[in-house]
Amino acid sequence: MVIKILEMALPVLIMLGLGYFCKAKNVFDEKGLLGLKAFISNITLPVVLFNAFLRTDVTLTSSTSMTRSVAGYKSSPL
């Protein structure tokens, strides 16, 4: 269980540490930061979202029950 948590949290912590290091050492200037932000928001984020939606397992049963729960319907017994 601890290993699964580390597998999920460690990449995030590494990226936070890398960002802190770059900020402390002034690795990027203002123009470089604007380019990096544009790259992340225009290319990287859509790719990550597309990949997440692609890997999601959605079946008719799960999507129907999710729709009912969001809409506030109670499932009727069969």
PDB file of N, CA and C in Angstrom:
ATOM      1  N   MET A   1       0.830  -1.190   0.000  1.00  0.00           N
ATOM      2  CA  MET A   1       0.000   0.000   0.000  1.00  0.00           C
ATOM      3  C   MET A   1       0.878   1.258   0.000  1.00  0.00           C
ATOM      4  N   VAL A   2       1.927   1.253   0.803  1.00  0.00           N
ATOM      5  CA  VAL A   2       2.812   2.405   0.887  1.00  0.00           C
ATOM      6  C   VAL A   2       3.524   2.621  -0.444  1.00  0.00           C
ATOM      7  N   ILE A   3       3.882   1.535  -1.112  1.00  0.00           N
ATOM      8  CA  ILE A   3       4.571   1.649  -2.400  1.00  0.00           C
ATOM      9  C   ILE A   3       3.657   2.281  -3.446  1.00  0.00           C
ATOM     10  N   LYS A   4       2.370   1.925  -3.437  1.00  0.00           N
ATOM     11  CA  LYS A   4       1.426   2.524  -4.388  1.00  0.00           C
ATOM     12  C   LYS A   4       1.280   4.023  -4.140  1.00  0.00           C
ATOM     13  N   ILE A   5       1.254   4.405  -2.880  1.00  0.00           N
ATOM     14  CA  ILE A   5       1.150   5.832  -2.545  1.00  0.00           C
ATOM     15  C   ILE A   5       2.399   6.568  -3.018  1.00  0.00           C
ATOM     16  N   LEU A   6       3.560   5.967  -2.780  1.00  0.00           N
ATOM     17  CA  LEU A   6       4.802   6.583  -3.236  1.00  0.00           C
ATOM     18  C   LEU A   6       4.868   6.677  -4.757  1.00  0.00           C
ATOM     19  N   GLU A   7       4.361   5.647  -5.450  1.00  0.00           N
ATOM     20  CA  GLU A   7       4.358   5.682  -6.919  1.00  0.00           C
ATOM     21  C   GLU A   7       3.536   6.839  -7.444  1.00  0.00           C
ATOM     22  N   MET A   8       2.482   7.194  -6.733  1.00  0.00           N
ATOM     23  CA  MET A   8       1.639   8.297  -7.184  1.00  0.00           C
ATOM     24  C   MET A   8       2.167   9.645  -6.710  1.00  0.00           C
ATOM     25  N   ALA A   9       2.700   9.709  -5.510  1.00  0.00           N
ATOM     26  CA  ALA A   9       3.098  10.992  -4.934  1.00  0.00           C
ATOM     27  C   ALA A   9       4.512  11.409  -5.324  1.00  0.00           C
ATOM     28  N   LEU A  10       5.396  10.465  -5.526  1.00  0.00           N
ATOM     29  CA  LEU A  10       6.793  10.802  -5.783  1.00  0.00           C
ATOM     30  C   LEU A  10       7.005  11.657  -7.033  1.00  0.00           C
ATOM     31  N   PRO A  11       6.369  11.344  -8.181  1.00  0.00           N
ATOM     32  CA  PRO A  11       6.563  12.225  -9.340  1.00  0.00           C
ATOM     33  C   PRO A  11       6.104  13.659  -9.089  1.00  0.00           C
ATOM     34  N   VAL A  12       5.021  13.819  -8.356  1.00  0.00           N
ATOM     35  CA  VAL A  12       4.524  15.166  -8.051  1.00  0.00           C
ATOM     36  C   VAL A  12       5.525  15.897  -7.157  1.00  0.00           C
ATOM     37  N   LEU A  13       6.035  15.209  -6.154  1.00  0.00           N
ATOM     38  CA  LEU A  13       7.002  15.835  -5.249  1.00  0.00           C
ATOM     39  C   LEU A  13       8.300  16.177  -5.966  1.00  0.00           C
ATOM     40  N   ILE A  14       8.722  15.323  -6.885  1.00  0.00           N
ATOM     41  CA  ILE A  14       9.927  15.612  -7.663  1.00  0.00           C
ATOM     42  C   ILE A  14       9.724  16.850  -8.527  1.00  0.00           C
ATOM     43  N   MET A  15       8.573  16.965  -9.164  1.00  0.00           N
ATOM     44  CA  MET A  15       8.308  18.129 -10.010  1.00  0.00           C
ATOM     45  C   MET A  15       8.223  19.411  -9.173  1.00  0.00           C
ATOM     46  N   LEU A  16       7.637  19.318  -7.990  1.00  0.00           N
ATOM     47  CA  LEU A  16       7.606  20.487  -7.112  1.00  0.00           C
ATOM     48  C   LEU A  16       9.015  20.891  -6.695  1.00  0.00           C
ATOM     49  N   GLY A  17       9.833  19.911  -6.365  1.00  0.00           N
ATOM     50  CA  GLY A  17      11.217  20.198  -5.996  1.00  0.00           C
ATOM     51  C   GLY A  17      12.003  20.796  -7.150  1.00  0.00           C
ATOM     52  N   LEU A  18      11.782  20.274  -8.345  1.00  0.00           N
ATOM     53  CA  LEU A  18      12.455  20.804  -9.531  1.00  0.00           C
ATOM     54  C   LEU A  18      12.032  22.247  -9.799  1.00  0.00           C
ATOM     55  N   GLY A  19      10.754  22.542  -9.638  1.00  0.00           N
ATOM     56  CA  GLY A  19      10.272  23.906  -9.809  1.00  0.00           C
ATOM     57  C   GLY A  19      10.849  24.851  -8.779  1.00  0.00           C
ATOM     58  N   TYR A  20      10.937  24.388  -7.538  1.00  0.00           N
ATOM     59  CA  TYR A  20      11.527  25.206  -6.482  1.00  0.00           C
ATOM     60  C   TYR A  20      12.998  25.480  -6.773  1.00  0.00           C
ATOM     61  N   PHE A  21      13.722  24.453  -7.220  1.00  0.00           N
ATOM     62  CA  PHE A  21      15.140  24.610  -7.554  1.00  0.00           C
ATOM     63  C   PHE A  21      15.331  25.619  -8.688  1.00  0.00           C
ATOM     64  N   CYS A  22      14.501  25.491  -9.736  1.00  0.00           N
ATOM     65  CA  CYS A  22      14.617  26.415 -10.880  1.00  0.00           C
ATOM     66  C   CYS A  22      14.309  27.846 -10.466  1.00  0.00           C
ATOM     67  N   LYS A  23      13.338  28.017  -9.587  1.00  0.00           N
ATOM     68  CA  LYS A  23      13.002  29.366  -9.113  1.00  0.00           C
ATOM     69  C   LYS A  23      14.134  29.929  -8.255  1.00  0.00           C
ATOM     70  N   ALA A  24      14.701  29.103  -7.393  1.00  0.00           N
ATOM     71  CA  ALA A  24      15.764  29.572  -6.502  1.00  0.00           C
ATOM     72  C   ALA A  24      17.028  29.943  -7.287  1.00  0.00           C
ATOM     73  N   LYS A  25      17.319  29.220  -8.353  1.00  0.00           N
ATOM     74  CA  LYS A  25      18.544  29.469  -9.137  1.00  0.00           C
ATOM     75  C   LYS A  25      18.306  30.394 -10.330  1.00  0.00           C
ATOM     76  N   ASN A  26      17.072  30.902 -10.483  1.00  0.00           N
ATOM     77  CA  ASN A  26      16.700  31.772 -11.610  1.00  0.00           C
ATOM     78  C   ASN A  26      17.098  31.158 -12.948  1.00  0.00           C
ATOM     79  N   VAL A  27      16.655  29.923 -13.164  1.00  0.00           N
ATOM     80  CA  VAL A  27      16.986  29.191 -14.377  1.00  0.00           C
ATOM     81  C   VAL A  27      16.309  29.829 -15.592  1.00  0.00           C
ATOM     82  N   PHE A  28      15.079  30.286 -15.423  1.00  0.00           N
ATOM     83  CA  PHE A  28      14.322  30.871 -16.529  1.00  0.00           C
ATOM     84  C   PHE A  28      14.140  32.370 -16.299  1.00  0.00           C
ATOM     85  N   ASP A  29      14.241  33.139 -17.387  1.00  0.00           N
ATOM     86  CA  ASP A  29      13.908  34.555 -17.295  1.00  0.00           C
ATOM     87  C   ASP A  29      12.414  34.717 -17.582  1.00  0.00           C
ATOM     88  N   GLU A  30      11.935  35.960 -17.583  1.00  0.00           N
ATOM     89  CA  GLU A  30      10.500  36.211 -17.774  1.00  0.00           C
ATOM     90  C   GLU A  30      10.000  35.704 -19.131  1.00  0.00           C
ATOM     91  N   LYS A  31      10.775  35.913 -20.173  1.00  0.00           N
ATOM     92  CA  LYS A  31      10.373  35.472 -21.512  1.00  0.00           C
ATOM     93  C   LYS A  31      10.353  33.942 -21.594  1.00  0.00           C
ATOM     94  N   GLY A  32      11.309  33.315 -20.955  1.00  0.00           N
ATOM     95  CA  GLY A  32      11.345  31.857 -20.939  1.00  0.00           C
ATOM     96  C   GLY A  32      10.163  31.265 -20.187  1.00  0.00           C
ATOM     97  N   LEU A  33       9.758  31.914 -19.095  1.00  0.00           N
ATOM     98  CA  LEU A  33       8.595  31.445 -18.342  1.00  0.00           C
ATOM     99  C   LEU A  33       7.313  31.562 -19.159  1.00  0.00           C
ATOM    100  N   LEU A  34       7.176  32.647 -19.915  1.00  0.00           N
ATOM    101  CA  LEU A  34       5.984  32.801 -20.761  1.00  0.00           C
ATOM    102  C   LEU A  34       5.923  31.700 -21.818  1.00  0.00           C
ATOM    103  N   GLY A  35       7.069  31.371 -22.402  1.00  0.00           N
ATOM    104  CA  GLY A  35       7.103  30.292 -23.384  1.00  0.00           C
ATOM    105  C   GLY A  35       6.801  28.944 -22.754  1.00  0.00           C
ATOM    106  N   LEU A  36       7.317  28.718 -21.563  1.00  0.00           N
ATOM    107  CA  LEU A  36       7.068  27.460 -20.860  1.00  0.00           C
ATOM    108  C   LEU A  36       5.593  27.328 -20.487  1.00  0.00           C
ATOM    109  N   LYS A  37       4.994  28.417 -20.012  1.00  0.00           N
ATOM    110  CA  LYS A  37       3.568  28.393 -19.681  1.00  0.00           C
ATOM    111  C   LYS A  37       2.716  28.121 -20.921  1.00  0.00           C
ATOM    112  N   ALA A  38       3.072  28.733 -22.046  1.00  0.00           N
ATOM    113  CA  ALA A  38       2.326  28.500 -23.289  1.00  0.00           C
ATOM    114  C   ALA A  38       2.461  27.052 -23.735  1.00  0.00           C
ATOM    115  N   PHE A  39       3.653  26.485 -23.617  1.00  0.00           N
ATOM    116  CA  PHE A  39       3.872  25.087 -23.994  1.00  0.00           C
ATOM    117  C   PHE A  39       3.042  24.149 -23.123  1.00  0.00           C
ATOM    118  N   ILE A  40       3.034  24.413 -21.830  1.00  0.00           N
ATOM    119  CA  ILE A  40       2.289  23.546 -20.911  1.00  0.00           C
ATOM    120  C   ILE A  40       0.790  23.631 -21.163  1.00  0.00           C
ATOM    121  N   SER A  41       0.267  24.843 -21.289  1.00  0.00           N
ATOM    122  CA  SER A  41      -1.181  24.985 -21.431  1.00  0.00           C
ATOM    123  C   SER A  41      -1.687  24.641 -22.824  1.00  0.00           C
ATOM    124  N   ASN A  42      -0.880  24.817 -23.859  1.00  0.00           N
ATOM    125  CA  ASN A  42      -1.356  24.565 -25.218  1.00  0.00           C
ATOM    126  C   ASN A  42      -1.036  23.171 -25.739  1.00  0.00           C
ATOM    127  N   ILE A  43      -0.018  22.519 -25.198  1.00  0.00           N
ATOM    128  CA  ILE A  43       0.385  21.212 -25.724  1.00  0.00           C
ATOM    129  C   ILE A  43       0.306  20.126 -24.660  1.00  0.00           C
ATOM    130  N   THR A  44       1.001  20.313 -23.556  1.00  0.00           N
ATOM    131  CA  THR A  44       1.124  19.250 -22.566  1.00  0.00           C
ATOM    132  C   THR A  44      -0.201  18.926 -21.881  1.00  0.00           C
ATOM    133  N   LEU A  45      -0.918  19.923 -21.415  1.00  0.00           N
ATOM    134  CA  LEU A  45      -2.172  19.688 -20.712  1.00  0.00           C
ATOM    135  C   LEU A  45      -3.213  18.987 -21.581  1.00  0.00           C
ATOM    136  N   PRO A  46      -3.451  19.411 -22.822  1.00  0.00           N
ATOM    137  CA  PRO A  46      -4.407  18.665 -23.650  1.00  0.00           C
ATOM    138  C   PRO A  46      -3.990  17.210 -23.894  1.00  0.00           C
ATOM    139  N   VAL A  47      -2.700  16.957 -24.041  1.00  0.00           N
ATOM    140  CA  VAL A  47      -2.239  15.583 -24.247  1.00  0.00           C
ATOM    141  C   VAL A  47      -2.495  14.741 -23.001  1.00  0.00           C
ATOM    142  N   VAL A  48      -2.234  15.290 -21.829  1.00  0.00           N
ATOM    143  CA  VAL A  48      -2.469  14.555 -20.589  1.00  0.00           C
ATOM    144  C   VAL A  48      -3.952  14.267 -20.406  1.00  0.00           C
ATOM    145  N   LEU A  49      -4.801  15.248 -20.679  1.00  0.00           N
ATOM    146  CA  LEU A  49      -6.244  15.037 -20.562  1.00  0.00           C
ATOM    147  C   LEU A  49      -6.745  14.002 -21.561  1.00  0.00           C
ATOM    148  N   PHE A  50      -6.267  14.076 -22.793  1.00  0.00           N
ATOM    149  CA  PHE A  50      -6.669  13.101 -23.796  1.00  0.00           C
ATOM    150  C   PHE A  50      -6.243  11.702 -23.368  1.00  0.00           C
ATOM    151  N   ASN A  51      -5.040  11.565 -22.860  1.00  0.00           N
ATOM    152  CA  ASN A  51      -4.542  10.269 -22.402  1.00  0.00           C
ATOM    153  C   ASN A  51      -5.377   9.745 -21.234  1.00  0.00           C
ATOM    154  N   ALA A  52      -5.763  10.623 -20.312  1.00  0.00           N
ATOM    155  CA  ALA A  52      -6.585  10.209 -19.172  1.00  0.00           C
ATOM    156  C   ALA A  52      -7.948   9.722 -19.639  1.00  0.00           C
ATOM    157  N   PHE A  53      -8.573  10.435 -20.586  1.00  0.00           N
ATOM    158  CA  PHE A  53      -9.866  10.009 -21.100  1.00  0.00           C
ATOM    159  C   PHE A  53      -9.747   8.723 -21.907  1.00  0.00           C
ATOM    160  N   LEU A  54      -8.644   8.560 -22.596  1.00  0.00           N
ATOM    161  CA  LEU A  54      -8.437   7.361 -23.401  1.00  0.00           C
ATOM    162  C   LEU A  54      -8.296   6.126 -22.528  1.00  0.00           C
ATOM    163  N   ARG A  55      -7.657   6.256 -21.386  1.00  0.00           N
ATOM    164  CA  ARG A  55      -7.414   5.119 -20.502  1.00  0.00           C
ATOM    165  C   ARG A  55      -8.589   4.824 -19.569  1.00  0.00           C
ATOM    166  N   THR A  56      -9.576   5.701 -19.507  1.00  0.00           N
ATOM    167  CA  THR A  56     -10.709   5.501 -18.612  1.00  0.00           C
ATOM    168  C   THR A  56     -11.612   4.416 -19.164  1.00  0.00           C
ATOM    169  N   ASP A  57     -11.950   3.464 -18.291  1.00  0.00           N
ATOM    170  CA  ASP A  57     -12.829   2.374 -18.691  1.00  0.00           C
ATOM    171  C   ASP A  57     -14.262   2.760 -18.355  1.00  0.00           C
ATOM    172  N   VAL A  58     -15.042   3.043 -19.370  1.00  0.00           N
ATOM    173  CA  VAL A  58     -16.428   3.432 -19.181  1.00  0.00           C
ATOM    174  C   VAL A  58     -17.306   2.415 -19.890  1.00  0.00           C
ATOM    175  N   THR A  59     -18.193   1.813 -19.138  1.00  0.00           N
ATOM    176  CA  THR A  59     -19.153   0.883 -19.724  1.00  0.00           C
ATOM    177  C   THR A  59     -20.536   1.516 -19.653  1.00  0.00           C
ATOM    178  N   LEU A  60     -21.469   0.942 -20.369  1.00  0.00           N
ATOM    179  CA  LEU A  60     -22.825   1.473 -20.379  1.00  0.00           C
ATOM    180  C   LEU A  60     -23.436   1.427 -18.988  1.00  0.00           C
ATOM    181  N   THR A  61     -23.185   0.366 -18.250  1.00  0.00           N
ATOM    182  CA  THR A  61     -23.738   0.231 -16.909  1.00  0.00           C
ATOM    183  C   THR A  61     -23.180   1.289 -15.973  1.00  0.00           C
ATOM    184  N   SER A  62     -21.869   1.482 -16.000  1.00  0.00           N
ATOM    185  CA  SER A  62     -21.281   2.465 -15.086  1.00  0.00           C
ATOM    186  C   SER A  62     -21.680   3.885 -15.459  1.00  0.00           C
ATOM    187  N   SER A  63     -21.758   4.179 -16.748  1.00  0.00           N
ATOM    188  CA  SER A  63     -22.138   5.532 -17.132  1.00  0.00           C
ATOM    189  C   SER A  63     -23.599   5.802 -16.839  1.00  0.00           C
ATOM    190  N   THR A  64     -24.462   4.783 -16.959  1.00  0.00           N
ATOM    191  CA  THR A  64     -25.876   4.956 -16.649  1.00  0.00           C
ATOM    192  C   THR A  64     -26.071   5.181 -15.162  1.00  0.00           C
ATOM    193  N   SER A  65     -25.395   4.388 -14.338  1.00  0.00           N
ATOM    194  CA  SER A  65     -25.553   4.566 -12.893  1.00  0.00           C
ATOM    195  C   SER A  65     -24.960   5.890 -12.445  1.00  0.00           C
ATOM    196  N   MET A  66     -23.860   6.325 -13.087  1.00  0.00           N
ATOM    197  CA  MET A  66     -23.279   7.606 -12.735  1.00  0.00           C
ATOM    198  C   MET A  66     -24.229   8.737 -13.115  1.00  0.00           C
ATOM    199  N   THR A  67     -24.850   8.631 -14.285  1.00  0.00           N
ATOM    200  CA  THR A  67     -25.799   9.651 -14.727  1.00  0.00           C
ATOM    201  C   THR A  67     -26.977   9.726 -13.771  1.00  0.00           C
ATOM    202  N   ARG A  68     -27.460   8.572 -13.349  1.00  0.00           N
ATOM    203  CA  ARG A  68     -28.580   8.558 -12.402  1.00  0.00           C
ATOM    204  C   ARG A  68     -28.186   9.187 -11.079  1.00  0.00           C
ATOM    205  N   SER A  69     -26.984   8.891 -10.596  1.00  0.00           N
ATOM    206  CA  SER A  69     -26.579   9.444  -9.305  1.00  0.00           C
ATOM    207  C   SER A  69     -26.371  10.949  -9.393  1.00  0.00           C
ATOM    208  N   VAL A  70     -25.852  11.428 -10.508  1.00  0.00           N
ATOM    209  CA  VAL A  70     -25.650  12.868 -10.674  1.00  0.00           C
ATOM    210  C   VAL A  70     -26.988  13.568 -10.806  1.00  0.00           C
ATOM    211  N   ALA A  71     -27.921  12.948 -11.520  1.00  0.00           N
ATOM    212  CA  ALA A  71     -29.224  13.559 -11.745  1.00  0.00           C
ATOM    213  C   ALA A  71     -30.137  13.432 -10.522  1.00  0.00           C
ATOM    214  N   GLY A  72     -29.774  12.587  -9.558  1.00  0.00           N
ATOM    215  CA  GLY A  72     -30.575  12.452  -8.347  1.00  0.00           C
ATOM    216  C   GLY A  72     -31.621  11.358  -8.417  1.00  0.00           C
ATOM    217  N   TYR A  73     -31.574  10.505  -9.426  1.00  0.00           N
ATOM    218  CA  TYR A  73     -32.521   9.412  -9.548  1.00  0.00           C
ATOM    219  C   TYR A  73     -32.101   8.244  -8.672  1.00  0.00           C
ATOM    220  N   LYS A  74     -33.081   7.563  -8.155  1.00  0.00           N
ATOM    221  CA  LYS A  74     -32.809   6.337  -7.411  1.00  0.00           C
ATOM    222  C   LYS A  74     -33.052   5.175  -8.354  1.00  0.00           C
ATOM    223  N   SER A  75     -32.188   4.189  -8.297  1.00  0.00           N
ATOM    224  CA  SER A  75     -32.359   3.044  -9.184  1.00  0.00           C
ATOM    225  C   SER A  75     -33.515   2.202  -8.675  1.00  0.00           C
ATOM    226  N   SER A  76     -34.344   1.775  -9.598  1.00  0.00           N
ATOM    227  CA  SER A  76     -35.497   0.962  -9.234  1.00  0.00           C
ATOM    228  C   SER A  76     -35.096  -0.515  -9.241  1.00  0.00           C
ATOM    229  N   PRO A  77     -35.645  -1.291  -8.322  1.00  0.00           N
ATOM    230  CA  PRO A  77     -35.305  -2.708  -8.304  1.00  0.00           C
ATOM    231  C   PRO A  77     -35.889  -3.412  -9.520  1.00  0.00           C
ATOM    232  N   LEU A  78     -35.151  -4.356 -10.027  1.00  0.00           N
ATOM    233  CA  LEU A  78     -35.604  -5.085 -11.228  1.00  0.00           C
ATOM    234  C   LEU A  78     -36.415  -6.275 -10.878  1.00  0.00           C
TER     235      LEU A  78
END
